[in-house]
PDB file of N, CA and C in Angstrom:
ATOM      1  N   MET A   1      57.332 -74.569 -23.042  1.00  0.00           N
ATOM      2  CA  MET A   1      56.728 -75.194 -21.257  1.00  0.00           C
ATOM      3  C   MET A   1      56.841 -75.908 -21.438  1.00  0.00           C
ATOM      4  N   GLU A   2      57.262 -77.253 -20.323  1.00  0.00           N
ATOM      5  CA  GLU A   2      57.273 -78.606 -20.273  1.00  0.00           C
ATOM      6  C   GLU A   2      55.931 -78.246 -18.606  1.00  0.00           C
ATOM      7  N   MET A   3      55.181 -79.545 -19.119  1.00  0.00           N
ATOM      8  CA  MET A   3      54.079 -79.237 -18.722  1.00  0.00           C
ATOM      9  C   MET A   3      54.437 -80.420 -16.639  1.00  0.00           C
ATOM     10  N   ASN A   4      55.742 -81.136 -16.420  1.00  0.00           N
ATOM     11  CA  ASN A   4      56.261 -81.214 -15.333  1.00  0.00           C
ATOM     12  C   ASN A   4      56.830 -80.422 -14.379  1.00  0.00           C
ATOM     13  N   MET A   5      57.277 -78.981 -15.424  1.00  0.00           N
ATOM     14  CA  MET A   5      58.484 -78.220 -14.084  1.00  0.00           C
ATOM     15  C   MET A   5      57.204 -77.184 -13.777  1.00  0.00           C
ATOM     16  N   VAL A   6      57.744 -76.859 -12.683  1.00  0.00           N
ATOM     17  CA  VAL A   6      57.415 -76.009 -11.562  1.00  0.00           C
ATOM     18  C   VAL A   6      57.998 -75.028 -11.396  1.00  0.00           C
ATOM     19  N   TYR A   7      57.057 -73.534 -11.263  1.00  0.00           N
ATOM     20  CA  TYR A   7      58.575 -72.413 -11.646  1.00  0.00           C
ATOM     21  C   TYR A   7      58.259 -71.526 -10.382  1.00  0.00           C
ATOM     22  N   VAL A   8      59.255 -71.195 -10.259  1.00  0.00           N
ATOM     23  CA  VAL A   8      59.674 -69.523  -9.084  1.00  0.00           C
ATOM     24  C   VAL A   8      59.405 -68.402  -9.716  1.00  0.00           C
ATOM     25  N   TYR A   9      58.701 -67.633  -9.553  1.00  0.00           N
ATOM     26  CA  TYR A   9      58.581 -66.480 -10.365  1.00  0.00           C
ATOM     27  C   TYR A   9      58.188 -65.373  -9.462  1.00  0.00           C
ATOM     28  N   ILE A  10      58.768 -64.130 -10.027  1.00  0.00           N
ATOM     29  CA  ILE A  10      58.824 -62.872  -8.950  1.00  0.00           C
ATOM     30  C   ILE A  10      57.853 -61.692 -10.095  1.00  0.00           C
ATOM     31  N   LEU A  11      56.734 -61.284  -9.131  1.00  0.00           N
ATOM     32  CA  LEU A  11      56.091 -60.347 -10.014  1.00  0.00           C
ATOM     33  C   LEU A  11      56.509 -59.214  -9.402  1.00  0.00           C
ATOM     34  N   TYR A  12      56.203 -58.050 -10.177  1.00  0.00           N
ATOM     35  CA  TYR A  12      56.332 -56.549  -9.453  1.00  0.00           C
ATOM     36  C   TYR A  12      54.882 -55.771 -10.064  1.00  0.00           C
ATOM     37  N   SER A  13      54.579 -55.393  -9.442  1.00  0.00           N
ATOM     38  CA  SER A  13      53.657 -53.918  -8.970  1.00  0.00           C
ATOM     39  C   SER A  13      53.794 -52.811  -9.207  1.00  0.00           C
ATOM     40  N   VAL A  14      54.020 -51.928 -10.440  1.00  0.00           N
ATOM     41  CA  VAL A  14      54.281 -50.522 -10.682  1.00  0.00           C
ATOM     42  C   VAL A  14      53.043 -49.872  -9.331  1.00  0.00           C
ATOM     43  N   VAL A  15      51.837 -50.121  -9.686  1.00  0.00           N
ATOM     44  CA  VAL A  15      50.747 -49.272  -8.818  1.00  0.00           C
ATOM     45  C   VAL A  15      51.377 -49.554  -6.827  1.00  0.00           C
ATOM     46  N   ALA A  16      51.633 -50.508  -6.379  1.00  0.00           N
ATOM     47  CA  ALA A  16      52.272 -50.810  -5.407  1.00  0.00           C
ATOM     48  C   ALA A  16      53.385 -50.271  -5.211  1.00  0.00           C
ATOM     49  N   ASP A  17      54.190 -50.672  -6.092  1.00  0.00           N
ATOM     50  CA  ASP A  17      55.728 -50.623  -5.818  1.00  0.00           C
ATOM     51  C   ASP A  17      56.092 -51.777  -5.251  1.00  0.00           C
ATOM     52  N   ARG A  18      55.199 -52.693  -4.962  1.00  0.00           N
ATOM     53  CA  ARG A  18      55.855 -54.199  -4.445  1.00  0.00           C
ATOM     54  C   ARG A  18      56.416 -55.578  -5.316  1.00  0.00           C
ATOM     55  N   TYR A  19      57.168 -56.238  -4.893  1.00  0.00           N
ATOM     56  CA  TYR A  19      57.529 -57.587  -5.853  1.00  0.00           C
ATOM     57  C   TYR A  19      56.560 -58.808  -5.130  1.00  0.00           C
ATOM     58  N   TYR A  20      56.496 -59.303  -5.748  1.00  0.00           N
ATOM     59  CA  TYR A  20      55.775 -60.882  -5.176  1.00  0.00           C
ATOM     60  C   TYR A  20      56.670 -62.117  -5.125  1.00  0.00           C
ATOM     61  N   VAL A  21      56.806 -62.904  -4.550  1.00  0.00           N
ATOM     62  CA  VAL A  21      57.438 -64.117  -4.757  1.00  0.00           C
ATOM     63  C   VAL A  21      56.388 -65.402  -4.631  1.00  0.00           C
ATOM     64  N   GLY A  22      56.372 -66.276  -6.216  1.00  0.00           N
ATOM     65  CA  GLY A  22      55.252 -67.300  -5.786  1.00  0.00           C
ATOM     66  C   GLY A  22      55.538 -68.888  -6.588  1.00  0.00           C
ATOM     67  N   GLN A  23      55.310 -69.987  -6.731  1.00  0.00           N
ATOM     68  CA  GLN A  23      55.725 -70.832  -7.081  1.00  0.00           C
ATOM     69  C   GLN A  23      54.499 -71.900  -7.781  1.00  0.00           C
ATOM     70  N   THR A  24      54.374 -72.068  -8.937  1.00  0.00           N
ATOM     71  CA  THR A  24      53.300 -72.934  -9.908  1.00  0.00           C
ATOM     72  C   THR A  24      53.676 -74.174 -10.790  1.00  0.00           C
ATOM     73  N   SER A  25      53.182 -74.591 -10.897  1.00  0.00           N
ATOM     74  CA  SER A  25      52.697 -75.305 -12.200  1.00  0.00           C
ATOM     75  C   SER A  25      52.540 -74.753 -13.436  1.00  0.00           C
ATOM     76  N   ASN A  26      51.815 -73.685 -13.304  1.00  0.00           N
ATOM     77  CA  ASN A  26      50.847 -73.200 -14.500  1.00  0.00           C
ATOM     78  C   ASN A  26      51.453 -71.545 -14.288  1.00  0.00           C
ATOM     79  N   LEU A  27      51.983 -71.439 -14.783  1.00  0.00           N
ATOM     80  CA  LEU A  27      52.782 -70.348 -14.988  1.00  0.00           C
ATOM     81  C   LEU A  27      51.858 -68.960 -15.567  1.00  0.00           C
ATOM     82  N   GLU A  28      51.243 -69.229 -17.213  1.00  0.00           N
ATOM     83  CA  GLU A  28      50.684 -68.261 -17.849  1.00  0.00           C
ATOM     84  C   GLU A  28      48.926 -68.104 -16.935  1.00  0.00           C
ATOM     85  N   GLU A  29      48.734 -69.250 -16.468  1.00  0.00           N
ATOM     86  CA  GLU A  29      47.501 -69.286 -15.716  1.00  0.00           C
ATOM     87  C   GLU A  29      47.317 -68.606 -13.845  1.00  0.00           C
ATOM     88  N   ARG A  30      48.452 -68.751 -13.208  1.00  0.00           N
ATOM     89  CA  ARG A  30      48.811 -68.146 -12.222  1.00  0.00           C
ATOM     90  C   ARG A  30      49.321 -66.578 -12.512  1.00  0.00           C
ATOM     91  N   VAL A  31      49.807 -66.095 -12.953  1.00  0.00           N
ATOM     92  CA  VAL A  31      49.496 -64.674 -13.750  1.00  0.00           C
ATOM     93  C   VAL A  31      48.257 -63.847 -14.007  1.00  0.00           C
ATOM     94  N   SER A  32      47.722 -64.691 -14.875  1.00  0.00           N
ATOM     95  CA  SER A  32      46.434 -64.023 -15.047  1.00  0.00           C
ATOM     96  C   SER A  32      45.465 -64.451 -13.667  1.00  0.00           C
ATOM     97  N   ARG A  33      45.437 -64.948 -12.698  1.00  0.00           N
ATOM     98  CA  ARG A  33      45.098 -65.183 -11.531  1.00  0.00           C
ATOM     99  C   ARG A  33      44.805 -63.972 -10.771  1.00  0.00           C
ATOM    100  N   HIS A  34      46.704 -63.670 -10.761  1.00  0.00           N
ATOM    101  CA  HIS A  34      47.022 -62.839  -9.704  1.00  0.00           C
ATOM    102  C   HIS A  34      45.952 -61.409 -10.666  1.00  0.00           C
ATOM    103  N   ASN A  35      46.513 -61.104 -11.518  1.00  0.00           N
ATOM    104  CA  ASN A  35      45.871 -59.960 -12.454  1.00  0.00           C
ATOM    105  C   ASN A  35      44.041 -60.032 -12.477  1.00  0.00           C
ATOM    106  N   GLN A  36      43.356 -61.083 -12.160  1.00  0.00           N
ATOM    107  CA  GLN A  36      42.442 -61.035 -12.329  1.00  0.00           C
ATOM    108  C   GLN A  36      42.033 -60.962 -10.270  1.00  0.00           C
ATOM    109  N   GLY A  37      42.468 -60.348  -9.988  1.00  0.00           N
ATOM    110  CA  GLY A  37      42.412 -60.433  -8.136  1.00  0.00           C
ATOM    111  C   GLY A  37      41.873 -61.452  -7.686  1.00  0.00           C
ATOM    112  N   GLY A  38      42.948 -63.096  -8.207  1.00  0.00           N
ATOM    113  CA  GLY A  38      42.230 -64.332  -7.231  1.00  0.00           C
ATOM    114  C   GLY A  38      43.181 -64.304  -6.354  1.00  0.00           C
ATOM    115  N   SER A  39      43.722 -63.768  -5.661  1.00  0.00           N
ATOM    116  CA  SER A  39      45.071 -63.574  -4.459  1.00  0.00           C
ATOM    117  C   SER A  39      44.972 -62.412  -3.583  1.00  0.00           C
ATOM    118  N   LYS A  40      44.553 -62.439  -2.202  1.00  0.00           N
ATOM    119  CA  LYS A  40      44.577 -61.854  -1.484  1.00  0.00           C
ATOM    120  C   LYS A  40      45.706 -60.897  -1.274  1.00  0.00           C
ATOM    121  N   TYR A  41      46.689 -61.443  -1.803  1.00  0.00           N
ATOM    122  CA  TYR A  41      47.887 -60.773  -1.411  1.00  0.00           C
ATOM    123  C   TYR A  41      48.414 -60.038  -2.479  1.00  0.00           C
ATOM    124  N   THR A  42      48.257 -60.107  -3.365  1.00  0.00           N
ATOM    125  CA  THR A  42      48.442 -59.495  -4.601  1.00  0.00           C
ATOM    126  C   THR A  42      46.927 -58.558  -5.232  1.00  0.00           C
ATOM    127  N   LYS A  43      45.858 -58.802  -5.039  1.00  0.00           N
ATOM    128  CA  LYS A  43      44.498 -57.949  -5.684  1.00  0.00           C
ATOM    129  C   LYS A  43      44.875 -56.700  -5.563  1.00  0.00           C
ATOM    130  N   PHE A  44      45.707 -56.065  -4.441  1.00  0.00           N
ATOM    131  CA  PHE A  44      45.585 -54.825  -4.366  1.00  0.00           C
ATOM    132  C   PHE A  44      46.810 -53.999  -5.415  1.00  0.00           C
ATOM    133  N   GLY A  45      47.519 -54.920  -6.067  1.00  0.00           N
ATOM    134  CA  GLY A  45      48.690 -54.040  -6.937  1.00  0.00           C
ATOM    135  C   GLY A  45      48.477 -54.357  -8.989  1.00  0.00           C
ATOM    136  N   ILE A  46      47.157 -54.841  -8.999  1.00  0.00           N
ATOM    137  CA  ILE A  46      47.222 -55.223 -10.479  1.00  0.00           C
ATOM    138  C   ILE A  46      47.601 -53.866 -10.764  1.00  0.00           C
ATOM    139  N   PRO A  47      48.197 -53.705 -12.269  1.00  0.00           N
ATOM    140  CA  PRO A  47      48.392 -55.441 -12.767  1.00  0.00           C
ATOM    141  C   PRO A  47      49.637 -55.333 -12.371  1.00  0.00           C
ATOM    142  N   TRP A  48      50.245 -56.793 -12.188  1.00  0.00           N
ATOM    143  CA  TRP A  48      51.278 -57.393 -11.854  1.00  0.00           C
ATOM    144  C   TRP A  48      51.632 -57.787 -13.200  1.00  0.00           C
ATOM    145  N   LYS A  49      53.414 -57.498 -13.187  1.00  0.00           N
ATOM    146  CA  LYS A  49      53.953 -58.221 -14.413  1.00  0.00           C
ATOM    147  C   LYS A  49      55.704 -58.805 -13.898  1.00  0.00           C
ATOM    148  N   LEU A  50      55.377 -59.842 -14.808  1.00  0.00           N
ATOM    149  CA  LEU A  50      56.212 -61.316 -14.687  1.00  0.00           C
ATOM    150  C   LEU A  50      57.337 -60.588 -15.013  1.00  0.00           C
ATOM    151  N   VAL A  51      58.852 -60.766 -14.415  1.00  0.00           N
ATOM    152  CA  VAL A  51      59.735 -60.224 -13.955  1.00  0.00           C
ATOM    153  C   VAL A  51      60.742 -60.771 -13.948  1.00  0.00           C
ATOM    154  N   TYR A  52      60.367 -62.027 -13.317  1.00  0.00           N
ATOM    155  CA  TYR A  52      61.644 -63.542 -13.170  1.00  0.00           C
ATOM    156  C   TYR A  52      60.946 -64.473 -13.307  1.00  0.00           C
ATOM    157  N   LYS A  53      61.532 -65.454 -13.685  1.00  0.00           N
ATOM    158  CA  LYS A  53      61.267 -66.958 -13.472  1.00  0.00           C
ATOM    159  C   LYS A  53      62.269 -68.088 -13.290  1.00  0.00           C
ATOM    160  N   GLU A  54      61.747 -69.179 -12.896  1.00  0.00           N
ATOM    161  CA  GLU A  54      62.722 -70.308 -12.953  1.00  0.00           C
ATOM    162  C   GLU A  54      62.395 -71.479 -12.671  1.00  0.00           C
ATOM    163  N   GLY A  55      63.020 -72.603 -13.169  1.00  0.00           N
ATOM    164  CA  GLY A  55      62.269 -73.287 -13.598  1.00  0.00           C
ATOM    165  C   GLY A  55      62.906 -74.539 -12.793  1.00  0.00           C
ATOM    166  N   PHE A  56      61.803 -75.892 -11.822  1.00  0.00           N
ATOM    167  CA  PHE A  56      62.517 -76.540 -11.395  1.00  0.00           C
ATOM    168  C   PHE A  56      61.807 -78.005 -11.912  1.00  0.00           C
ATOM    169  N   GLU A  57      62.457 -78.923 -11.314  1.00  0.00           N
ATOM    170  CA  GLU A  57      61.544 -80.530 -11.852  1.00  0.00           C
ATOM    171  C   GLU A  57      60.928 -80.757 -10.565  1.00  0.00           C
ATOM    172  N   THR A  58      61.294 -80.515  -9.503  1.00  0.00           N
ATOM    173  CA  THR A  58      60.488 -81.064  -8.408  1.00  0.00           C
ATOM    174  C   THR A  58      59.236 -79.842  -7.534  1.00  0.00           C
ATOM    175  N   ARG A  59      58.719 -79.781  -7.257  1.00  0.00           N
ATOM    176  CA  ARG A  59      57.880 -78.677  -6.375  1.00  0.00           C
ATOM    177  C   ARG A  59      59.099 -78.946  -4.715  1.00  0.00           C
ATOM    178  N   SER A  60      59.220 -79.565  -4.623  1.00  0.00           N
ATOM    179  CA  SER A  60      60.180 -80.000  -3.209  1.00  0.00           C
ATOM    180  C   SER A  60      61.696 -79.058  -3.794  1.00  0.00           C
ATOM    181  N   GLU A  61      62.096 -78.661  -4.933  1.00  0.00           N
ATOM    182  CA  GLU A  61      62.886 -77.647  -5.439  1.00  0.00           C
ATOM    183  C   GLU A  61      62.805 -76.329  -5.012  1.00  0.00           C
ATOM    184  N   ALA A  62      61.617 -76.109  -6.056  1.00  0.00           N
ATOM    185  CA  ALA A  62      60.570 -75.113  -6.551  1.00  0.00           C
ATOM    186  C   ALA A  62      60.205 -74.514  -4.849  1.00  0.00           C
ATOM    187  N   MET A  63      60.011 -75.327  -3.922  1.00  0.00           N
ATOM    188  CA  MET A  63      59.374 -74.572  -2.582  1.00  0.00           C
ATOM    189  C   MET A  63      61.005 -74.091  -2.050  1.00  0.00           C
ATOM    190  N   LYS A  64      61.694 -74.507  -2.058  1.00  0.00           N
ATOM    191  CA  LYS A  64      62.947 -73.963  -1.352  1.00  0.00           C
ATOM    192  C   LYS A  64      63.689 -73.234  -2.019  1.00  0.00           C
ATOM    193  N   ARG A  65      63.807 -72.902  -3.554  1.00  0.00           N
ATOM    194  CA  ARG A  65      64.035 -71.399  -3.966  1.00  0.00           C
ATOM    195  C   ARG A  65      63.097 -69.986  -3.441  1.00  0.00           C
ATOM    196  N   GLU A  66      61.739 -70.699  -3.125  1.00  0.00           N
ATOM    197  CA  GLU A  66      60.764 -69.962  -2.961  1.00  0.00           C
ATOM    198  C   GLU A  66      61.121 -69.269  -1.411  1.00  0.00           C
ATOM    199  N   LYS A  67      61.274 -70.310  -0.399  1.00  0.00           N
ATOM    200  CA  LYS A  67      60.827 -70.130   0.327  1.00  0.00           C
ATOM    201  C   LYS A  67      62.551 -68.979   0.930  1.00  0.00           C
ATOM    202  N   LYS A  68      63.766 -69.041   0.014  1.00  0.00           N
ATOM    203  CA  LYS A  68      64.507 -68.683   0.077  1.00  0.00           C
ATOM    204  C   LYS A  68      64.773 -66.843  -0.148  1.00  0.00           C
ATOM    205  N   LEU A  69      64.013 -66.892  -1.231  1.00  0.00           N
ATOM    206  CA  LEU A  69      63.629 -65.664  -2.188  1.00  0.00           C
ATOM    207  C   LEU A  69      62.678 -64.525  -1.088  1.00  0.00           C
ATOM    208  N   LYS A  70      61.846 -65.531  -0.548  1.00  0.00           N
ATOM    209  CA  LYS A  70      60.743 -64.782   0.588  1.00  0.00           C
ATOM    210  C   LYS A  70      61.864 -64.400   1.609  1.00  0.00           C
ATOM    211  N   SER A  71      62.498 -65.064   2.155  1.00  0.00           N
ATOM    212  CA  SER A  71      62.992 -65.206   3.186  1.00  0.00           C
ATOM    213  C   SER A  71      63.994 -63.620   3.642  1.00  0.00           C
ATOM    214  N   SER A  72      64.669 -63.469   2.064  1.00  0.00           N
ATOM    215  CA  SER A  72      65.305 -62.624   2.040  1.00  0.00           C
ATOM    216  C   SER A  72      64.968 -61.386   2.358  1.00  0.00           C
ATOM    217  N   LYS A  73      63.579 -60.637   1.938  1.00  0.00           N
ATOM    218  CA  LYS A  73      62.836 -59.922   2.226  1.00  0.00           C
ATOM    219  C   LYS A  73      63.406 -58.423   2.372  1.00  0.00           C
ATOM    220  N   ASN A  74      64.419 -58.515   1.209  1.00  0.00           N
ATOM    221  CA  ASN A  74      65.156 -57.235   0.884  1.00  0.00           C
ATOM    222  C   ASN A  74      65.101 -57.017  -0.598  1.00  0.00           C
ATOM    223  N   ARG A  75      64.410 -56.164  -1.419  1.00  0.00           N
ATOM    224  CA  ARG A  75      64.258 -55.512  -2.697  1.00  0.00           C
ATOM    225  C   ARG A  75      65.260 -55.418  -3.586  1.00  0.00           C
ATOM    226  N   GLU A  76      66.719 -54.921  -2.764  1.00  0.00           N
ATOM    227  CA  GLU A  76      67.497 -55.097  -3.469  1.00  0.00           C
ATOM    228  C   GLU A  76      67.967 -56.577  -3.470  1.00  0.00           C
ATOM    229  N   HIS A  77      67.960 -57.385  -2.972  1.00  0.00           N
ATOM    230  CA  HIS A  77      68.189 -58.883  -3.497  1.00  0.00           C
ATOM    231  C   HIS A  77      67.372 -59.149  -4.373  1.00  0.00           C
ATOM    232  N   LEU A  78      66.028 -59.589  -3.988  1.00  0.00           N
ATOM    233  CA  LEU A  78      65.319 -59.579  -5.662  1.00  0.00           C
ATOM    234  C   LEU A  78      65.860 -58.873  -6.914  1.00  0.00           C
ATOM    235  N   ARG A  79      65.959 -57.812  -6.695  1.00  0.00           N
ATOM    236  CA  ARG A  79      66.529 -56.601  -8.158  1.00  0.00           C
ATOM    237  C   ARG A  79      67.805 -57.615  -8.429  1.00  0.00           C
ATOM    238  N   ARG A  80      68.670 -57.597  -8.237  1.00  0.00           N
ATOM    239  CA  ARG A  80      69.642 -58.616  -8.133  1.00  0.00           C
ATOM    240  C   ARG A  80      69.679 -59.621  -8.792  1.00  0.00           C
ATOM    241  N   VAL A  81      68.828 -60.801  -8.312  1.00  0.00           N
ATOM    242  CA  VAL A  81      68.317 -62.080  -8.790  1.00  0.00           C
ATOM    243  C   VAL A  81      67.739 -61.258 -10.410  1.00  0.00           C
ATOM    244  N   ILE A  82      66.363 -60.607 -10.317  1.00  0.00           N
ATOM    245  CA  ILE A  82      66.192 -59.961 -11.301  1.00  0.00           C
ATOM    246  C   ILE A  82      66.906 -59.991 -12.797  1.00  0.00           C
ATOM    247  N   HIS A  83      67.840 -58.509 -12.554  1.00  0.00           N
ATOM    248  CA  HIS A  83      68.463 -58.399 -13.149  1.00  0.00           C
ATOM    249  C   HIS A  83      69.773 -59.570 -13.432  1.00  0.00           C
ATOM    250  N   SER A  84      69.824 -59.900 -12.588  1.00  0.00           N
ATOM    251  CA  SER A  84      71.239 -60.778 -13.420  1.00  0.00           C
ATOM    252  C   SER A  84      70.523 -62.505 -13.986  1.00  0.00           C
ATOM    253  N   SER A  85      69.323 -62.200 -13.995  1.00  0.00           N
ATOM    254  CA  SER A  85      69.007 -63.454 -14.619  1.00  0.00           C
ATOM    255  C   SER A  85      69.029 -63.618 -16.098  1.00  0.00           C
ATOM    256  N   ARG A  86      69.284 -64.710 -16.772  1.00  0.00           N
ATOM    257  CA  ARG A  86      68.933 -64.891 -18.034  1.00  0.00           C
ATOM    258  C   ARG A  86      68.163 -65.538 -18.878  1.00  0.00           C
ATOM    259  N   ASN A  87      66.968 -65.816 -17.995  1.00  0.00           N
ATOM    260  CA  ASN A  87      65.724 -65.724 -18.418  1.00  0.00           C
ATOM    261  C   ASN A  87      65.292 -64.760 -19.621  1.00  0.00           C
ATOM    262  N   GLU A  88      64.757 -65.140 -20.344  1.00  0.00           N
ATOM    263  CA  GLU A  88      63.708 -64.130 -21.227  1.00  0.00           C
ATOM    264  C   GLU A  88      62.622 -64.633 -21.243  1.00  0.00           C
ATOM    265  N   LEU A  89      61.741 -63.367 -20.895  1.00  0.00           N
ATOM    266  CA  LEU A  89      60.161 -63.553 -20.940  1.00  0.00           C
ATOM    267  C   LEU A  89      59.843 -62.852 -21.512  1.00  0.00           C
ATOM    268  N   SER A  90      58.414 -63.621 -21.942  1.00  0.00           N
ATOM    269  CA  SER A  90      57.484 -62.942 -23.375  1.00  0.00           C
ATOM    270  C   SER A  90      56.702 -62.034 -22.011  1.00  0.00           C
ATOM    271  N   ASN A  91      56.424 -61.037 -22.869  1.00  0.00           N
ATOM    272  CA  ASN A  91      55.523 -59.561 -22.334  1.00  0.00           C
ATOM    273  C   ASN A  91      54.704 -59.569 -23.116  1.00  0.00           C
TER     274      ASN A  91
END
């Protein structure tokens, strides 16, 4: 993982049956904070599983992608993004 990369990520909660889309420059630390209840938007869905990530060279690019994913508000669209991804995630 390169230090200068900014990641857009999608988390999934089995408990809440919800997806969460976010962006960060420190993916491991951010997912950990979500699972420790460090975000008011995700504290009720713990545990969250990282199901998608996409790296960008600038925060501006990542923010545009995050906004696009969030604007769809369509679970099927997020599922298609996740399933068509060629990213390999460590679990």
